[in-house]
Protein backbone atom coordinates (compact mmCIF):
# COMPACT_ATOMS: atom_id res chain seq x y z
CA UNK A 1 -2.98 -16.53 0.49
CA UNK A 2 -0.31 -19.19 0.10
CA UNK A 3 1.27 -19.48 -3.32
CA UNK A 4 3.95 -21.45 -5.08
CA UNK A 5 6.63 -20.51 -7.57
CA UNK A 6 9.44 -18.00 -7.32
CA UNK A 7 7.39 -15.37 -5.53
CA UNK A 8 5.89 -16.36 -2.19
CA UNK A 9 3.23 -14.13 -0.66
CA UNK A 10 0.98 -14.38 2.35
CA UNK A 11 -1.68 -11.94 3.49
CA UNK A 12 -2.93 -14.24 6.26
CA UNK A 13 -4.85 -17.40 5.43
CA UNK A 14 -7.47 -16.77 8.13
CA UNK A 15 -8.52 -13.30 7.01
CA UNK A 16 -6.77 -11.60 9.91
CA UNK A 17 -4.49 -8.63 9.41
CA UNK A 18 -0.86 -8.79 10.44
CA UNK A 19 0.10 -6.47 13.29
CA UNK A 20 3.56 -5.75 14.58
CA UNK A 21 4.57 -4.45 17.97
CA UNK A 22 6.57 -1.25 17.70
CA UNK A 23 7.55 -1.05 21.36
CA UNK A 24 6.86 -3.89 23.81
CA UNK A 25 6.76 -1.46 26.72
CA UNK A 26 4.61 1.18 25.03
CA UNK A 27 1.15 2.04 26.24
CA UNK A 28 -1.64 1.59 23.76
CA UNK A 29 -1.95 4.22 21.04
CA UNK A 30 -5.08 2.51 19.74
CA UNK A 31 -7.44 5.21 20.90
CA UNK A 32 -11.20 5.43 21.00
CA UNK A 33 -11.81 1.68 21.18
CA UNK A 34 -10.34 0.86 17.79
CA UNK A 35 -10.96 -2.74 16.93
CA UNK A 36 -9.54 -5.48 14.76
CA UNK A 37 -12.48 -7.41 13.34
CA UNK A 38 -14.42 -6.83 16.56
CA UNK A 39 -11.37 -7.27 18.81
CA UNK A 40 -9.33 -4.44 20.28
CA UNK A 41 -5.70 -4.34 19.24
CA UNK A 42 -3.37 -5.42 22.05
CA UNK A 43 -1.69 -2.42 23.74
CA UNK A 44 1.21 -1.09 21.68
CA UNK A 45 0.18 -2.88 18.48
CA UNK A 46 -0.71 -1.44 15.07
CA UNK A 47 -1.01 -2.55 11.46
CA UNK A 48 2.60 -2.03 10.29
CA UNK A 49 3.25 -4.13 7.14
CA UNK A 50 6.62 -4.45 5.44
CA UNK A 51 7.13 -3.28 1.86
CA UNK A 52 6.92 -6.87 0.61
CA UNK A 53 3.73 -7.52 2.57
CA UNK A 54 2.16 -4.45 0.96
CA UNK A 55 3.00 -5.87 -2.48
CA UNK A 56 1.28 -9.10 -1.41
CA UNK A 57 -1.84 -7.19 -0.37
CA UNK A 58 -1.77 -5.35 -3.69
CA UNK A 59 -1.44 -8.59 -5.61
CA UNK A 60 -4.38 -10.06 -3.70
CA UNK A 61 -6.52 -7.10 -4.76
CA UNK A 62 -5.33 -7.28 -8.38
CA UNK A 63 -6.43 -10.91 -8.79
CA UNK A 64 -9.76 -10.14 -7.13
CA UNK A 65 -9.38 -12.23 -3.98
CA UNK A 66 -10.78 -11.28 -0.58
CA UNK A 67 -8.52 -9.14 1.58
CA UNK A 68 -8.14 -9.33 5.36
CA UNK A 69 -10.46 -6.87 7.13
CA UNK A 70 -9.36 -3.65 8.81
CA UNK A 71 -6.04 -3.28 7.02
CA UNK A 72 -6.06 -1.17 3.84
CA UNK A 73 -8.88 1.14 2.77
CA UNK A 74 -10.12 1.36 -0.82
CA UNK A 75 -10.35 4.11 -3.41
CA UNK A 76 -9.22 7.18 -1.49
CA UNK A 77 -8.64 10.29 -3.61
CA UNK A 78 -5.10 10.79 -2.33
CA UNK A 79 -4.10 12.80 -5.40
CA UNK A 80 -7.09 15.16 -5.23
CA UNK A 81 -6.80 16.76 -1.79
CA UNK A 82 -4.33 18.34 0.61
CA UNK A 83 -3.56 15.49 3.05
CA UNK A 84 -4.49 17.74 5.99
CA UNK A 85 -7.99 18.01 4.52
CA UNK A 86 -8.52 14.38 3.52
CA UNK A 87 -11.21 12.87 5.78
CA UNK A 88 -10.12 9.32 4.91
CA UNK A 89 -6.77 9.89 6.65
CA UNK A 90 -8.39 11.15 9.84
CA UNK A 91 -10.87 8.27 9.76
CA UNK A 92 -8.23 5.55 9.27
CA UNK A 93 -7.87 3.69 12.57
CA UNK A 94 -5.74 0.60 11.93
CA UNK A 95 -2.22 2.07 11.98
CA UNK A 96 -0.10 4.54 13.85
CA UNK A 97 -1.04 8.18 14.41
CA UNK A 98 -0.93 10.28 11.21
CA UNK A 99 -0.41 7.15 9.11
CA UNK A 100 -2.83 5.39 6.77
CA UNK A 101 -2.88 2.79 3.98
CA UNK A 102 -5.04 3.00 0.85
CA UNK A 103 -5.58 1.34 -2.51
CA UNK A 104 -5.94 3.76 -5.41
CA UNK A 105 -5.06 4.20 -9.09
CA UNK A 106 -2.06 6.12 -10.37
CA UNK A 107 -2.63 9.47 -12.04
CA UNK A 108 -0.50 11.26 -14.65
CA UNK A 109 -0.69 14.59 -12.82
CA UNK A 110 0.25 14.96 -9.16
CA UNK A 111 -0.81 18.62 -9.05
CA UNK A 112 -3.94 19.40 -7.06
CA UNK A 113 -5.77 22.43 -5.77
CA UNK A 114 -3.48 24.19 -3.31
CA UNK A 115 -0.38 22.06 -3.81
CA UNK A 116 1.38 19.14 -5.47
CA UNK A 117 3.21 15.88 -4.77
CA UNK A 118 6.86 15.67 -5.83
CA UNK A 119 9.14 12.62 -5.90
CA UNK A 120 12.05 13.07 -3.50
CA UNK A 121 14.29 10.16 -4.52
CA UNK A 122 14.69 7.33 -7.01
CA UNK A 123 12.21 4.46 -6.91
CA UNK A 124 13.27 1.67 -4.56
CA UNK A 125 13.18 -1.98 -5.61
CA UNK A 126 11.15 -4.38 -3.47
CA UNK A 127 12.30 -8.00 -3.24
CA UNK A 128 10.40 -11.14 -2.29
CA UNK A 129 11.08 -13.12 0.87
CA UNK A 130 14.05 -14.89 -0.76
CA UNK A 131 15.69 -11.48 -1.46
CA UNK A 132 16.42 -12.67 -5.02
CA UNK A 133 13.39 -11.59 -7.06
CA UNK A 134 12.16 -8.05 -7.63
CA UNK A 135 8.38 -8.04 -7.16
CA UNK A 136 7.65 -4.32 -7.06
CA UNK A 137 8.79 -0.75 -6.63
CA UNK A 138 8.27 2.04 -4.10
CA UNK A 139 8.05 5.69 -5.08
CA UNK A 140 8.38 8.28 -2.30
CA UNK A 141 6.75 11.68 -2.71
CA UNK A 142 6.62 14.82 -0.56
CA UNK A 143 3.64 17.17 -0.48
CA UNK A 144 4.25 20.87 -1.24
CA UNK A 145 1.72 23.68 -0.74
CA UNK A 146 1.55 26.34 -3.42
CA UNK A 147 2.42 26.27 -7.11
CA UNK A 148 5.29 24.25 -8.55
CA UNK A 149 8.19 24.65 -8.44
CA UNK A 150 8.07 27.28 -5.66
CA UNK A 151 5.83 25.44 -3.22
CA UNK A 152 6.48 25.12 0.49
CA UNK A 153 7.52 21.64 1.60
CA UNK A 154 5.32 19.99 4.22
CA UNK A 155 5.86 17.02 6.53
CA UNK A 156 3.49 14.76 4.56
CA UNK A 157 4.97 11.78 2.71
CA UNK A 158 3.36 9.39 0.28
CA UNK A 159 4.91 5.98 -0.46
CA UNK A 160 3.37 4.54 -3.63
CA UNK A 161 3.81 0.78 -4.12
CA UNK A 162 3.31 -0.93 -7.48
CA UNK A 163 4.00 -4.46 -8.70
CA UNK A 164 6.71 -5.28 -11.24
CA UNK A 165 4.65 -6.19 -14.35
CA UNK A 166 7.19 -8.62 -15.80
CA UNK A 167 7.68 -10.67 -12.63
CA UNK A 168 4.04 -10.63 -11.59
CA UNK A 169 2.69 -11.51 -15.05
CA UNK A 170 4.93 -14.60 -15.22
CA UNK A 171 3.92 -15.54 -11.68
CA UNK A 172 0.21 -15.21 -12.44
CA UNK A 173 0.50 -17.43 -15.51
CA UNK A 174 2.29 -20.04 -13.40
CA UNK A 175 -0.08 -19.99 -10.43
CA UNK A 176 -3.48 -18.94 -11.81
CA UNK A 177 -3.70 -20.87 -15.08
CA UNK A 178 -6.91 -22.56 -13.91
CA UNK A 179 -8.63 -19.30 -12.89
CA UNK A 180 -10.50 -17.84 -15.91
CA UNK A 181 -10.86 -14.52 -14.11
CA UNK A 182 -7.08 -14.12 -14.09
CA UNK A 183 -5.73 -16.14 -17.05
CA UNK A 184 -7.53 -16.51 -20.40
CA UNK A 185 -8.01 -19.71 -22.41
CA UNK A 186 -5.05 -18.81 -24.64
CA UNK A 187 -2.80 -18.60 -21.56
CA UNK A 188 -2.57 -14.83 -21.27
CA UNK A 189 -3.34 -12.58 -18.33
CA UNK A 190 -6.91 -11.26 -18.62
CA UNK A 191 -7.50 -7.69 -19.75
CA UNK A 192 -8.96 -6.75 -16.37
CA UNK A 193 -5.94 -8.00 -14.46
CA UNK A 194 -3.54 -6.41 -16.97
CA UNK A 195 -5.18 -3.03 -16.42
CA UNK A 196 -5.02 -3.44 -12.65
CA UNK A 197 -1.32 -4.36 -12.85
CA UNK A 198 -0.65 -1.10 -14.71
CA UNK A 199 -2.87 1.24 -12.69
CA UNK A 200 -3.52 -0.14 -9.21
CA UNK A 201 -1.20 0.90 -6.39
CA UNK A 202 -1.22 0.71 -2.62
CA UNK A 203 -0.15 3.84 -0.78
CA UNK A 204 1.15 4.58 2.69
CA UNK A 205 0.62 8.21 3.65
CA UNK A 206 2.03 9.62 6.85
CA UNK A 207 3.22 12.78 8.51
CA UNK A 208 6.81 13.00 9.64
CA UNK A 209 7.63 13.86 13.21
CA UNK A 210 10.46 16.13 14.32
CA UNK A 211 13.86 14.80 13.26
CA UNK A 212 12.53 12.12 10.90
CA UNK A 213 13.77 11.78 7.33
CA UNK A 214 11.76 10.97 4.19
CA UNK A 215 13.38 7.58 3.54
């Protein structure tokens, strides 16, 4: 999706997910014949988007446009289950081991049966490709087993990405004025899109290895 204005996003104009090579000399960790739209990933490659690219994927979903295949899964109940017991994580096959990407909606309570998610640091600002405009924020949470506040910390992290409503609303009015599904006749963002801006997030969930930090 190519756009104009202050914020410039691209989630691949040909419907193909972006993949980044973590280690040029690594053997393939794409096990079990995992494929990318019918093609196997090249050895050593995975779906590893940047923070800004994740905001672009989220924005694509918010406006209701088609997303590239085999990148981010939809509607996983990340806030309802212990991550060790979430089938969607085990089934995710586009990223690195013990790492998955999902769209979901924010929830007021992060307490679930058997544990809870707890923010471990202040929200981080996410800038566009020019490094001048804030387009979103990243919240980092750690999963604890047991009852708050005495739970036992685990190695599971959740990075929750959301768009900046002020920046994105102005950008939508500038770039989608002719799309009645996004902008209304009186030049306001549609109710559907406004709700998605407030509630829709994209999450990266992963399990830390030995010696890794939560940042």
